[in-house]
C-alpha atoms as a PDB file:
ATOM      1  CA  MET A   1     -30.243  49.974 -21.092  1.00  0.00           C
ATOM      2  CA  LEU A   2     -33.303  47.784 -21.611  1.00  0.00           C
ATOM      3  CA  GLY A   3     -31.146  45.211 -23.410  1.00  0.00           C
ATOM      4  CA  ALA A   4     -28.737  45.044 -20.453  1.00  0.00           C
ATOM      5  CA  LEU A   5     -31.612  44.525 -18.015  1.00  0.00           C
ATOM      6  CA  SER A   6     -33.077  41.784 -20.226  1.00  0.00           C
ATOM      7  CA  ALA A   7     -29.723  40.026 -20.406  1.00  0.00           C
ATOM      8  CA  MET A   8     -29.292  40.285 -16.634  1.00  0.00           C
ATOM      9  CA  ALA A   9     -32.798  38.903 -16.026  1.00  0.00           C
ATOM     10  CA  PHE A  10     -32.055  36.006 -18.374  1.00  0.00           C
ATOM     11  CA  ILE A  11     -28.802  35.187 -16.525  1.00  0.00           C
ATOM     12  CA  VAL A  12     -30.553  35.304 -13.140  1.00  0.00           C
ATOM     13  CA  ALA A  13     -33.343  33.038 -14.407  1.00  0.00           C
ATOM     14  CA  ALA A  14     -30.813  30.587 -15.845  1.00  0.00           C
ATOM     15  CA  CYS A  15     -28.888  30.462 -12.571  1.00  0.00           C
ATOM     16  CA  VAL A  16     -32.049  29.849 -10.561  1.00  0.00           C
ATOM     17  CA  GLY A  17     -32.780  26.827 -12.749  1.00  0.00           C
ATOM     18  CA  CYS A  18     -29.364  25.319 -12.015  1.00  0.00           C
ATOM     19  CA  GLY A  19     -28.550  23.404  -8.880  1.00  0.00           C
ATOM     20  CA  SER A  20     -29.685  20.267  -7.161  1.00  0.00           C
ATOM     21  CA  ASP A  21     -32.835  18.370  -7.874  1.00  0.00           C
ATOM     22  CA  GLY A  22     -33.926  18.746  -4.255  1.00  0.00           C
ATOM     23  CA  GLY A  23     -32.733  15.242  -3.279  1.00  0.00           C
ATOM     24  CA  GLY A  24     -31.104  14.701   0.086  1.00  0.00           C
ATOM     25  CA  TYR A  25     -27.393  14.483   0.737  1.00  0.00           C
ATOM     26  CA  ASP A  26     -26.218  11.090   1.951  1.00  0.00           C
ATOM     27  CA  ASN A  27     -23.857  11.914   4.804  1.00  0.00           C
ATOM     28  CA  ALA A  28     -22.066   8.598   5.295  1.00  0.00           C
ATOM     29  CA  SER A  29     -20.334   8.088   8.633  1.00  0.00           C
ATOM     30  CA  ARG A  30     -16.589   8.388   8.795  1.00  0.00           C
ATOM     31  CA  PRO A  31     -14.503   5.408   9.892  1.00  0.00           C
ATOM     32  CA  PRO A  32     -13.055   5.441  13.407  1.00  0.00           C
ATOM     33  CA  ALA A  33     -10.084   7.729  13.950  1.00  0.00           C
ATOM     34  CA  PRO A  34      -6.758   5.896  13.535  1.00  0.00           C
ATOM     35  CA  ILE A  35      -4.983   4.927  16.746  1.00  0.00           C
ATOM     36  CA  SER A  36      -1.320   4.116  17.260  1.00  0.00           C
ATOM     37  CA  ILE A  37       0.023   0.801  18.514  1.00  0.00           C
ATOM     38  CA  SER A  38       3.584   0.838  19.854  1.00  0.00           C
ATOM     39  CA  ILE A  39       5.610  -2.293  19.196  1.00  0.00           C
ATOM     40  CA  SER A  40       9.146  -2.767  20.472  1.00  0.00           C
ATOM     41  CA  ILE A  41      11.410  -5.623  19.510  1.00  0.00           C
ATOM     42  CA  SER A  42      14.261  -6.306  21.915  1.00  0.00           C
ATOM     43  CA  GLY A  43      16.844  -9.073  21.893  1.00  0.00           C
ATOM     44  CA  ASP A  44      14.600 -11.457  23.844  1.00  0.00           C
ATOM     45  CA  ARG A  45      10.951 -10.322  23.510  1.00  0.00           C
ATOM     46  CA  ILE A  46       8.290  -8.322  21.685  1.00  0.00           C
ATOM     47  CA  GLY A  47       6.311  -5.649  23.535  1.00  0.00           C
ATOM     48  CA  VAL A  48       2.919  -4.335  22.362  1.00  0.00           C
ATOM     49  CA  ALA A  49       0.873  -1.455  23.800  1.00  0.00           C
ATOM     50  CA  PRO A  50      -2.074  -1.512  23.838  1.00  0.00           C
ATOM     51  CA  ALA A  51      -2.639  -5.263  23.494  1.00  0.00           C
ATOM     52  CA  ARG A  52      -6.456  -4.887  23.325  1.00  0.00           C
ATOM     53  CA  LEU A  53      -8.321  -2.427  21.114  1.00  0.00           C
ATOM     54  CA  GLY A  54     -11.360  -2.019  18.889  1.00  0.00           C
ATOM     55  CA  ALA A  55     -11.417  -2.705  15.158  1.00  0.00           C
ATOM     56  CA  GLY A  56     -10.643   0.097  12.714  1.00  0.00           C
ATOM     57  CA  PRO A  57      -7.634   1.825  11.178  1.00  0.00           C
ATOM     58  CA  VAL A  58      -4.363   1.666  13.126  1.00  0.00           C
ATOM     59  CA  VAL A  59      -0.801   2.871  12.774  1.00  0.00           C
ATOM     60  CA  LEU A  60       1.850   0.404  13.943  1.00  0.00           C
ATOM     61  CA  LEU A  61       4.911   2.223  15.286  1.00  0.00           C
ATOM     62  CA  ILE A  62       7.649  -0.412  15.380  1.00  0.00           C
ATOM     63  CA  SER A  63      11.007   0.030  17.091  1.00  0.00           C
ATOM     64  CA  ASN A  64      13.734  -2.584  16.625  1.00  0.00           C
ATOM     65  CA  GLN A  65      15.916  -2.338  19.726  1.00  0.00           C
ATOM     66  CA  SER A  66      17.744  -5.586  19.007  1.00  0.00           C
ATOM     67  CA  SER A  67      21.202  -5.984  17.490  1.00  0.00           C
ATOM     68  CA  ARG A  68      19.968  -7.685  14.294  1.00  0.00           C
ATOM     69  CA  SER A  69      17.584  -6.932  11.461  1.00  0.00           C
ATOM     70  CA  ARG A  70      13.997  -8.069  12.172  1.00  0.00           C
ATOM     71  CA  ASP A  71      10.894  -8.586  10.035  1.00  0.00           C
ATOM     72  CA  LEU A  72       7.681  -8.118  12.078  1.00  0.00           C
ATOM     73  CA  THR A  73       4.624 -10.176  11.067  1.00  0.00           C
ATOM     74  CA  LEU A  74       0.897 -10.074  11.900  1.00  0.00           C
ATOM     75  CA  SER A  75      -0.941 -13.337  11.372  1.00  0.00           C
ATOM     76  CA  ALA A  76      -3.776 -15.508  12.652  1.00  0.00           C
ATOM     77  CA  PRO A  77      -2.945 -17.548  15.762  1.00  0.00           C
ATOM     78  CA  ASP A  78      -2.485 -21.265  15.046  1.00  0.00           C
ATOM     79  CA  SER A  79      -5.458 -22.203  17.236  1.00  0.00           C
ATOM     80  CA  SER A  80      -7.852 -19.728  15.573  1.00  0.00           C
ATOM     81  CA  ASN A  81      -9.781 -19.707  12.321  1.00  0.00           C
ATOM     82  CA  GLY A  82     -10.112 -15.880  12.301  1.00  0.00           C
ATOM     83  CA  SER A  83      -7.610 -13.075  12.322  1.00  0.00           C
ATOM     84  CA  CYS A  84      -7.504  -9.338  12.941  1.00  0.00           C
ATOM     85  CA  VAL A  85      -5.978  -8.823   9.483  1.00  0.00           C
ATOM     86  CA  GLU A  86      -7.608  -9.883   6.230  1.00  0.00           C
ATOM     87  CA  SER A  87      -4.314 -11.371   5.057  1.00  0.00           C
ATOM     88  CA  ASP A  88      -0.985 -11.823   6.827  1.00  0.00           C
ATOM     89  CA  ALA A  89       1.002  -8.588   7.020  1.00  0.00           C
ATOM     90  CA  SER A  90       4.735  -7.967   7.291  1.00  0.00           C
ATOM     91  CA  SER A  91       6.876  -4.913   7.979  1.00  0.00           C
ATOM     92  CA  GLY A  92       9.807  -5.998   5.852  1.00  0.00           C
ATOM     93  CA  PRO A  93      13.304  -5.890   7.341  1.00  0.00           C
ATOM     94  CA  ILE A  94      13.839  -3.289  10.064  1.00  0.00           C
ATOM     95  CA  ASN A  95      17.496  -2.494  10.698  1.00  0.00           C
ATOM     96  CA  PRO A  96      18.990  -2.731  14.215  1.00  0.00           C
ATOM     97  CA  GLN A  97      18.083   0.360  16.257  1.00  0.00           C
ATOM     98  CA  GLY A  98      15.716   1.316  13.424  1.00  0.00           C
ATOM     99  CA  ALA A  99      12.018   2.032  13.222  1.00  0.00           C
ATOM    100  CA  ALA A 100       9.107   1.416  10.859  1.00  0.00           C
ATOM    101  CA  ARG A 101       5.565   2.705  10.481  1.00  0.00           C
ATOM    102  CA  ILE A 102       2.707   0.684   8.977  1.00  0.00           C
ATOM    103  CA  GLN A 103      -0.907   1.777   8.446  1.00  0.00           C
ATOM    104  CA  LEU A 104      -3.587  -0.891   8.081  1.00  0.00           C
ATOM    105  CA  PRO A 105      -7.171  -1.646   9.037  1.00  0.00           C
ATOM    106  CA  LEU A 106      -7.812  -4.248  11.723  1.00  0.00           C
ATOM    107  CA  VAL A 107     -10.993  -6.316  11.953  1.00  0.00           C
ATOM    108  CA  GLU A 108     -12.448  -8.083  14.967  1.00  0.00           C
ATOM    109  CA  GLY A 109     -10.451 -11.154  15.957  1.00  0.00           C
ATOM    110  CA  PRO A 110      -7.153 -12.290  17.459  1.00  0.00           C
ATOM    111  CA  CYS A 111      -3.698 -11.738  15.962  1.00  0.00           C
ATOM    112  CA  GLU A 112      -0.196 -12.864  16.694  1.00  0.00           C
ATOM    113  CA  ILE A 113       2.633 -10.406  16.364  1.00  0.00           C
ATOM    114  CA  GLY A 114       5.945 -12.127  15.834  1.00  0.00           C
ATOM    115  CA  VAL A 115       9.174 -12.017  13.863  1.00  0.00           C
ATOM    116  CA  ALA A 116       9.523 -13.814  10.548  1.00  0.00           C
ATOM    117  CA  ASP A 117      12.462 -15.981  11.637  1.00  0.00           C
ATOM    118  CA  GLY A 118      10.504 -17.274  14.675  1.00  0.00           C
ATOM    119  CA  THR A 119      13.316 -16.614  17.150  1.00  0.00           C
ATOM    120  CA  LEU A 120      11.087 -14.607  19.529  1.00  0.00           C
ATOM    121  CA  GLU A 121       7.884 -15.744  21.236  1.00  0.00           C
ATOM    122  CA  PRO A 122       4.922 -14.099  19.450  1.00  0.00           C
ATOM    123  CA  VAL A 123       2.541 -11.883  21.443  1.00  0.00           C
ATOM    124  CA  ARG A 124      -1.224 -11.770  21.109  1.00  0.00           C
ATOM    125  CA  LEU A 125      -3.143  -8.712  19.961  1.00  0.00           C
ATOM    126  CA  THR A 126      -6.889  -8.860  20.674  1.00  0.00           C
ATOM    127  CA  VAL A 127      -9.166  -6.765  18.470  1.00  0.00           C
ATOM    128  CA  GLY A 128     -12.752  -6.272  19.615  1.00  0.00           C
ATOM    129  CA  PRO A 129     -15.800  -4.750  17.880  1.00  0.00           C
ATOM    130  CA  GLU A 130     -15.320  -1.679  15.688  1.00  0.00           C
ATOM    131  CA  ARG A 131     -14.539   1.571  17.486  1.00  0.00           C
ATOM    132  CA  GLU A 132     -16.949   4.499  17.363  1.00  0.00           C
ATOM    133  CA  SER A 133     -17.086   6.618  14.191  1.00  0.00           C
ATOM    134  CA  ALA A 134     -14.985   9.777  14.029  1.00  0.00           C
ATOM    135  CA  GLN A 135     -17.963  11.591  12.472  1.00  0.00           C
ATOM    136  CA  GLN A 136     -18.213  14.152  15.282  1.00  0.00           C
ATOM    137  CA  ASP A 137     -14.461  14.609  15.871  1.00  0.00           C
ATOM    138  CA  LEU A 138     -13.200  17.990  14.772  1.00  0.00           C
ATOM    139  CA  LEU A 139      -9.906  18.647  13.008  1.00  0.00           C
ATOM    140  CA  GLN A 140      -9.570  15.121  11.612  1.00  0.00           C
ATOM    141  CA  PRO A 141      -8.085  14.507   8.173  1.00  0.00           C
END
């Protein structure tokens, strides 16, 4: 009986000695919550909603409503030395009446959204300062 109590006291003492060194926990802020940008490609134009947003992660939801395969591109405008993407981005071919989904981070700056073959007039996407952190948002991944 005394041996069992000694063993139990030893285990409790060993467990008390384990754990953190008392240092603080660095609770880094989360990035902004991702937002969706709807992009539609028709036979004669490209539509983007919203066309102005804050920097942070986005999901591009692209719908090709035209009768031919299209390759959507994001790039710096010709008259600008900055861009909302760190390097040019492309969706790859999207079949007629098809859809694509792209996730990427956007930084502050202008962008042009166009098609790779240049047959449609590109539209401007304006990205402002970074959106607020999602630190206090519940039920976020």
